[in-house]
Amino acid sequence: MTESHNDPHDRLRVGGWLPSRNDSTATQQIAAVPAEPPGSAPASTPSTPAAPPLEPVHVERQRRGRWWFMVVPVAVVVLVVAVALQFRPDDAEIGPDLAQQSPRVALPVMSASARTNDETSASPSTKPSASSTRASASASARGVPTPTASATPAAHRGAVVGIGGRCLAADRDRPELAVCADRDSQRWSAPGDGTLRVANRCLDVFASGEANGTPVILYQCNRTDAQQWQIRGDGTWRNPQSNKCLGTVGGRSDPGTRLAVFDCAGAASQKWTMN
């Protein structure tokens, strides 16, 4: 067996390095290190370098950056709310000012009477009215005498009697001769506006015709020239627009005979009396 050495320097031998005998400080520091047991191999030192210590300055910078990310959105929201509250009273005041400055404009409203006139204006009589001067000149040129005529029939109501003692009656939309009777269809009225009315309709020259034989009908009153009649001194009824007189078709007097306009001749079939 090998004898052990009691030399303290042998105990302090570490990794082949032996401190100097004169270096007492180094000897004391090394002496504190426990000796490895005999027969054990020295532990190998790891080659991985130690991790660097954390820098507190870097941590503080990250915290400061997060703080700004939270403050900036809050500041933007506060600014937007402040601007909205600042301009809100001005907007509220502008409304009444504009309402006071802009006056209300009343739209025209068509009355019921105006609508009735518009609806009734669409009559078969579409030609413009002719003046009485032109009508008189036309009659003079033809050599037909023009008796003195009243401007419009006076306001009157009663039966209209024609040739053969027959009465003028309303048959739906046509006037005709009929046996005189106390009926509504034979009660005519002359309100003084130039029209002759029965059953709320007016005596009308069809389509404002001017030719001989143009039928005479009953149409909704619209105050057109086709519904104007002048009672002349010889008992004839003249329409100034056509310069024709009211008469029976064919000069007949039978009940059911229709009416039309013809050149004024003063014949018995063209004379009428309102009782």
Foldseek 3Di string as FASTA:
>chain_A
DDDDDPDVQVQLQDPNDTDDPVPPVVVVVSVVDGGDDPPDDDDDDDPDDDDDDDDVVVVVVVVVVVVVVVVVVVVVVVVVVVVCVVCVVVVVVVVVVVVVVDDDDDDDDDDPVNVVLVVQQPALADDAFDDLVVLVVVCVVVVHDDFAWDPADDWDKAWKAAPPRWTWFADPWFIWTDHDDPDQRGIWTGRGLQFIDGPQWTFFQGSLDQDPPGFITTGHDNSHLRGGWIQGPLQFIARSRNCWTKFWVPNDRDTPTGIHTHHDDSDRRRGMDGD
